[in-house]
Amino acid sequence: MNTQSSPSAAGIAGASLPFRLWTPEERQASLTAALQHWQAGEDVWVYGYGSLVWRPDFDFEERRLATLHGHHRALCLWSRVNRGTPECPGLVFGLDRGGSCRGVVYRLAGSQVPTYFPALWDREMSTGAYLPRWLNCATDAGPVKALVFVMNRANPAYIRALPEAELLAIVRRAAGRYGPCTEYVVQTAQALRAAGIHDARLDAIARRLEEDGRPLPEGA
């Protein structure tokens, strides 16, 4: 199947938007603010809805399926580093306003927070596109208050819902330091299915990408 496509209008617009990485000082200030009410040694919960589901990059004491109300998973964030470049940006997941999102929560030992959180901030807050929030997440064992990275709609990297054809064209073209954008979307869909999480819109997008016949992540 021929999956080559010319740059979309949205893709061209995305490449022209302002782009700046946060400085280490900005990331540290954000991290300090997020932990201002944390008591040293206290365990914390972190909510994952995208790549954190299949690549958390930290050890955890417990993992649960969780539902977050008030936000939904969407490919609403331009990626110019991890899954794209400034010239050819990709799309990654954010938590946009409205609806609900099924994901996972991880409980991290309090003793590990000073070790793991700086790396988590380097990964999630490289451009300040997310707003770190402590939000209630529903689990079968009861609600937990977890750290959640929600979409910052004021950030230039935010993009509202795109038509599926345009979204697919962007994802198919882009690749960044962590690999192709296609791989990221498909692997997230596979991880959610493996966890028993059903996301109809993401499944439909992933099936279209899988039908392209491109190499899929190991184990696909």
Protein backbone atom coordinates (compact mmCIF):
# COMPACT_ATOMS: atom_id res chain seq x y z
CA MET A 1 0.00 0.00 0.00
CA ASN A 2 1.30 3.45 -0.88
CA THR A 3 1.27 5.50 2.31
CA GLN A 4 3.40 8.43 1.19
CA SER A 5 1.62 11.74 1.56
CA SER A 6 2.43 15.36 1.00
CA PRO A 7 2.69 17.68 3.99
CA SER A 8 -0.70 18.64 5.36
CA ALA A 9 -1.76 22.18 6.09
CA ALA A 10 -1.64 21.43 9.79
CA GLY A 11 1.82 19.91 9.47
CA ILE A 12 3.13 22.96 7.67
CA ALA A 13 1.57 25.20 10.30
CA GLY A 14 3.05 23.09 13.08
CA ALA A 15 6.54 23.43 11.64
CA SER A 16 6.21 27.22 11.67
CA LEU A 17 5.13 27.59 15.31
CA PRO A 18 7.50 28.91 17.99
CA PHE A 19 9.58 26.20 19.61
CA ARG A 20 11.79 26.40 22.68
CA LEU A 21 13.09 23.83 25.11
CA TRP A 22 12.76 24.70 28.76
CA THR A 23 15.99 25.41 30.59
CA PRO A 24 17.07 23.14 33.46
CA GLU A 25 16.19 26.00 35.81
CA GLU A 26 12.63 26.20 34.44
CA ARG A 27 12.15 22.45 34.80
CA GLN A 28 13.50 22.53 38.33
CA ALA A 29 11.20 25.40 39.28
CA SER A 30 8.21 23.48 37.91
CA LEU A 31 9.23 20.32 39.78
CA THR A 32 9.72 22.24 43.02
CA ALA A 33 6.28 23.82 42.68
CA ALA A 34 4.64 20.44 42.00
CA LEU A 35 6.21 18.92 45.12
CA GLN A 36 5.68 21.87 47.44
CA HIS A 37 3.13 19.97 49.54
CA TRP A 38 4.89 16.61 49.38
CA GLN A 39 6.18 15.24 52.66
CA ALA A 40 9.64 13.69 52.27
CA GLY A 41 9.42 9.92 52.32
CA GLU A 42 5.73 9.83 51.42
CA ASP A 43 4.76 7.48 48.57
CA VAL A 44 3.31 9.16 45.49
CA TRP A 45 1.07 8.07 42.62
CA VAL A 46 1.77 8.92 38.98
CA TYR A 47 -0.89 8.60 36.28
CA GLY A 48 0.02 7.23 32.85
CA TYR A 49 -2.12 7.37 29.72
CA GLY A 50 0.40 7.24 26.82
CA SER A 51 3.99 6.02 26.72
CA LEU A 52 4.11 5.86 30.53
CA VAL A 53 1.81 2.83 30.19
CA TRP A 54 4.47 0.82 28.37
CA ARG A 55 7.70 2.62 29.29
CA PRO A 56 7.48 4.20 32.74
CA ASP A 57 11.28 4.31 33.19
CA PHE A 58 10.97 4.05 36.96
CA ASP A 59 10.52 1.30 39.51
CA PHE A 60 7.17 1.19 41.24
CA GLU A 61 5.61 -0.53 44.23
CA GLU A 62 2.15 -0.96 42.75
CA ARG A 63 0.26 -0.46 39.50
CA ARG A 64 -3.51 -0.17 39.07
CA LEU A 65 -5.93 0.54 36.25
CA ALA A 66 -7.41 3.99 36.83
CA THR A 67 -9.99 6.36 35.37
CA LEU A 68 -9.45 10.10 35.27
CA HIS A 69 -12.57 12.22 34.83
CA GLY A 70 -12.54 15.62 33.16
CA HIS A 71 -9.89 14.88 30.54
CA HIS A 72 -9.51 12.56 27.56
CA ARG A 73 -6.55 11.09 25.68
CA ALA A 74 -5.84 12.82 22.35
CA LEU A 75 -3.04 13.32 19.85
CA CYS A 76 -3.09 17.02 20.57
CA LEU A 77 0.57 17.93 21.09
CA TRP A 78 3.17 18.68 18.44
CA SER A 79 6.39 16.76 19.06
CA ARG A 80 9.55 18.39 17.69
CA VAL A 81 12.07 16.28 19.60
CA ASN A 82 10.89 12.87 20.81
CA ARG A 83 8.71 11.85 17.84
CA GLY A 84 9.41 14.57 15.30
CA THR A 85 11.70 17.45 14.42
CA PRO A 86 11.16 21.22 14.24
CA GLU A 87 10.98 20.89 10.44
CA CYS A 88 8.67 17.85 10.45
CA PRO A 89 6.83 17.64 13.78
CA GLY A 90 4.97 14.57 14.91
CA LEU A 91 2.05 14.24 17.30
CA VAL A 92 2.03 12.80 20.80
CA PHE A 93 -0.68 12.26 23.37
CA GLY A 94 -1.95 14.83 25.80
CA LEU A 95 -4.87 14.94 28.19
CA ASP A 96 -7.29 17.45 26.71
CA ARG A 97 -10.34 18.87 28.43
CA GLY A 98 -13.59 16.95 28.67
CA GLY A 99 -14.71 13.35 28.96
CA SER A 100 -12.69 10.74 30.79
CA CYS A 101 -9.57 8.67 30.28
CA ARG A 102 -8.74 5.11 31.26
CA GLY A 103 -5.08 4.60 32.10
CA VAL A 104 -2.84 3.33 34.89
CA VAL A 105 -1.50 4.71 38.15
CA TYR A 106 1.86 3.79 39.63
CA ARG A 107 2.77 4.03 43.29
CA LEU A 108 6.36 5.13 43.75
CA ALA A 109 8.17 4.66 47.03
CA GLY A 110 8.72 8.00 48.72
CA SER A 111 12.43 7.29 49.05
CA GLN A 112 12.69 7.12 45.24
CA VAL A 113 10.94 10.41 44.46
CA PRO A 114 14.14 12.55 44.58
CA THR A 115 15.80 10.06 42.21
CA TYR A 116 13.03 9.48 39.66
CA PHE A 117 11.16 12.77 39.49
CA PRO A 118 13.95 14.88 37.91
CA ALA A 119 14.18 12.34 35.07
CA LEU A 120 10.38 12.29 34.78
CA TRP A 121 10.40 16.08 34.45
CA ASP A 122 13.12 15.96 31.79
CA ARG A 123 10.92 13.57 29.83
CA GLU A 124 7.48 15.13 30.29
CA MET A 125 8.27 18.82 30.78
CA SER A 126 10.97 19.49 28.20
CA THR A 127 8.90 22.30 26.61
CA GLY A 128 6.40 23.12 29.35
CA ALA A 129 3.55 21.77 27.23
CA TYR A 130 1.92 20.03 30.17
CA LEU A 131 0.50 21.28 33.46
CA PRO A 132 1.45 19.01 36.38
CA ARG A 133 -1.63 18.54 38.54
CA TRP A 134 -2.57 16.36 41.53
CA LEU A 135 -5.94 14.88 40.58
CA ASN A 136 -8.22 12.18 41.89
CA CYS A 137 -8.15 8.94 39.91
CA ALA A 138 -10.70 6.18 40.40
CA THR A 139 -9.42 2.62 40.85
CA ASP A 140 -11.10 -0.65 41.84
CA ALA A 141 -9.31 -0.44 45.19
CA GLY A 142 -10.50 3.10 45.83
CA PRO A 143 -9.57 6.62 44.68
CA VAL A 144 -5.98 7.88 44.73
CA LYS A 145 -4.60 11.36 44.21
CA ALA A 146 -1.99 11.10 41.47
CA LEU A 147 0.37 13.37 39.60
CA VAL A 148 -1.18 13.94 36.18
CA PHE A 149 0.35 15.81 33.24
CA VAL A 150 -2.59 17.58 31.55
CA MET A 151 -2.42 19.55 28.32
CA ASN A 152 -1.53 23.23 28.57
CA ARG A 153 -3.81 24.73 25.93
CA ALA A 154 -1.89 28.02 26.11
CA ASN A 155 1.27 26.33 24.87
CA PRO A 156 1.98 26.88 21.13
CA ALA A 157 2.45 23.12 20.72
CA TYR A 158 -1.21 22.42 21.48
CA ILE A 159 -3.36 21.52 18.49
CA ARG A 160 -7.09 20.86 18.51
CA ALA A 161 -8.62 17.70 17.08
CA LEU A 162 -7.61 17.06 13.47
CA PRO A 163 -9.49 15.14 10.78
CA GLU A 164 -8.30 11.53 10.80
CA ALA A 165 -6.74 11.66 7.33
CA GLU A 166 -4.66 14.70 8.25
CA LEU A 167 -3.64 13.22 11.58
CA LEU A 168 -2.51 9.99 9.90
CA ALA A 169 -0.48 11.89 7.32
CA ILE A 170 1.40 13.72 10.07
CA VAL A 171 2.06 10.58 12.12
CA ARG A 172 3.27 8.59 9.10
CA ARG A 173 5.90 11.16 8.15
CA ALA A 174 7.40 12.10 11.50
CA ALA A 175 10.28 10.59 13.49
CA GLY A 176 12.37 11.92 16.37
CA ARG A 177 15.04 10.92 18.87
CA TYR A 178 12.87 8.09 20.27
CA GLY A 179 11.92 6.76 16.84
CA PRO A 180 9.01 6.97 14.37
CA CYS A 181 5.77 8.59 15.42
CA THR A 182 3.92 5.61 13.92
CA GLU A 183 5.68 3.26 16.31
CA TYR A 184 4.73 5.45 19.28
CA VAL A 185 1.03 5.49 18.41
CA VAL A 186 0.82 1.77 17.61
CA GLN A 187 2.79 0.74 20.68
CA THR A 188 0.56 2.85 22.92
CA ALA A 189 -2.55 1.24 21.43
CA GLN A 190 -1.07 -2.23 21.90
CA ALA A 191 -0.13 -1.52 25.52
CA LEU A 192 -3.62 -0.25 26.32
CA ARG A 193 -5.21 -3.33 24.76
CA ALA A 194 -2.83 -5.58 26.71
CA ALA A 195 -3.90 -3.80 29.91
CA GLY A 196 -7.57 -4.33 29.07
CA ILE A 197 -8.18 -0.68 28.23
CA HIS A 198 -10.48 0.05 25.28
CA ASP A 199 -9.97 3.32 23.39
CA ALA A 200 -12.07 3.11 20.24
CA ARG A 201 -10.65 6.19 18.49
CA LEU A 202 -7.04 5.23 19.16
CA ASP A 203 -7.70 1.62 18.08
CA ALA A 204 -9.11 2.87 14.77
CA ILE A 205 -6.06 5.05 14.14
CA ALA A 206 -3.65 2.26 15.11
CA ARG A 207 -5.38 -0.20 12.77
CA ARG A 208 -4.93 2.20 9.87
CA LEU A 209 -1.24 2.54 10.71
CA GLU A 210 -0.82 -1.23 11.09
CA GLU A 211 -2.42 -1.73 7.67
CA ASP A 212 0.38 0.31 6.12
CA GLY A 213 2.64 -2.73 6.40
CA ARG A 214 5.40 -0.76 8.07
CA PRO A 215 7.61 -2.46 10.69
CA LEU A 216 5.80 -2.64 14.01
CA PRO A 217 7.27 -2.63 17.51
CA GLU A 218 8.81 -5.89 18.70
CA GLY A 219 6.12 -8.27 19.90
CA ALA A 220 3.40 -6.78 17.67
